[in-house]
Protein backbone atom coordinates (compact mmCIF):
# COMPACT_ATOMS: atom_id res chain seq x y z
CA MET A 1 4.17 4.05 8.23
CA LEU A 2 1.70 1.09 8.97
CA PRO A 3 -0.70 0.40 5.71
CA LEU A 4 -4.02 -1.68 5.95
CA TRP A 5 -4.22 -3.38 2.84
CA THR A 6 -7.57 -5.34 1.14
CA PRO A 7 -6.87 -9.27 0.19
CA SER A 8 -6.69 -7.74 -3.61
CA GLY A 9 -4.06 -5.23 -2.86
CA LYS A 10 -5.78 -2.10 -2.23
CA GLN A 11 -4.76 0.33 0.62
CA LEU A 12 -7.62 1.17 3.06
CA ALA A 13 -5.75 3.39 5.47
CA GLU A 14 -2.41 4.34 6.76
CA TRP A 15 -0.96 5.02 10.31
CA ASN A 16 1.92 6.99 11.38
CA ALA A 17 4.20 4.36 13.13
CA GLN A 18 7.21 6.34 14.36
CA SER A 19 9.44 2.99 14.56
CA PRO A 20 9.26 -0.46 12.40
CA VAL A 21 6.19 -2.66 13.52
CA THR A 22 7.24 -6.02 14.81
CA SER A 23 4.07 -7.07 15.75
CA LEU A 24 0.20 -6.74 15.06
CA SER A 25 -2.83 -8.00 16.35
CA PHE A 26 -6.70 -7.11 15.49
CA SER A 27 -9.33 -6.58 18.13
CA ASP A 28 -12.09 -9.45 18.32
CA ASP A 29 -14.64 -6.47 17.02
CA GLY A 30 -11.96 -5.58 14.10
CA LYS A 31 -12.26 -1.96 15.36
CA ASN A 32 -8.81 -1.71 16.38
CA ILE A 33 -5.28 -2.89 15.98
CA ALA A 34 -2.83 -3.10 18.28
CA THR A 35 0.96 -2.64 17.41
CA ALA A 36 4.29 -3.63 18.53
CA GLN A 37 7.10 -1.60 17.47
CA LEU A 38 10.88 -2.08 17.32
CA ASP A 39 11.21 0.93 19.98
CA GLY A 40 9.40 -0.66 22.37
CA THR A 41 6.14 1.46 21.77
CA VAL A 42 2.84 -0.64 21.95
CA ARG A 43 -0.14 1.22 20.18
CA VAL A 44 -3.81 0.78 19.68
CA TRP A 45 -4.78 2.46 16.56
CA ASN A 46 -8.90 2.77 15.45
CA VAL A 47 -9.33 1.11 12.23
CA PRO A 48 -11.67 3.44 10.06
CA THR A 49 -15.08 2.09 8.85
CA LEU A 50 -15.84 2.41 5.19
CA ASP A 51 -18.13 5.26 5.56
CA GLU A 52 -15.14 7.25 7.25
CA LEU A 53 -12.66 6.37 4.60
CA MET A 54 -15.16 7.53 1.99
CA SER A 55 -15.58 10.64 3.96
CA GLN A 56 -11.95 11.37 3.93
CA GLY A 57 -11.63 10.61 0.42
CA CYS A 58 -14.49 12.86 -0.48
CA LYS A 59 -12.93 15.34 1.34
CA TRP A 60 -9.43 15.13 -0.33
CA LEU A 61 -11.38 15.27 -3.87
CA GLU A 62 -13.03 18.75 -2.29
CA ASP A 63 -10.15 20.10 -1.73
CA ASN A 64 -8.09 18.91 -4.43
CA ILE A 65 -10.65 19.17 -7.53
CA SER A 66 -11.21 22.76 -7.38
CA LYS A 67 -9.35 23.01 -10.89
CA GLU A 68 -11.00 20.75 -12.60
CA SER A 69 -14.15 21.49 -15.01
CA LYS A 70 -17.63 21.90 -13.87
CA ALA A 71 -18.82 18.87 -15.10
CA GLU A 72 -15.92 16.82 -13.14
CA LYS A 73 -16.97 19.00 -9.85
CA GLN A 74 -20.56 17.64 -10.29
CA LYS A 75 -19.50 14.22 -10.42
CA GLN A 76 -17.59 14.63 -7.32
CA GLN A 77 -20.65 15.86 -5.88
CA ARG A 78 -22.90 13.08 -7.17
CA LEU A 79 -20.53 10.50 -5.90
CA CYS A 80 -19.69 12.31 -2.16
CA ARG A 81 -23.26 13.43 -1.33
CA LYS A 82 -23.81 10.64 0.97
CA TYR A 83 -20.58 11.18 2.70
CA SER A 84 -20.44 15.00 2.80
CA LYS A 85 -20.46 16.55 6.31
C-alpha cells in the first residue's frame, strides 16, 4: 500500500502498490505521483482532488450508514449534498 498523508497526520488517499516503494516524486502540478518499486515497476498514480476524496467518503457513508437512525442519515445527506453524484 502507498498512503498519502497530510503534514498533520491525516491520511488522504491510498494506492495499492504491489511491491515496496523505493522512490517517489510528485509532478510539478501536484496531480500525479511517480513511484519506483522494489520489483522494478515504475507507476504513475493520480492524486485525487479534495472533491474526489469527499465524493468517495460520502459514497462510503451512503453504503455503510443504512443501519443508522433517520437523524444520522439526515446528517450524512446534509454533509454530502455537494458531493453526491
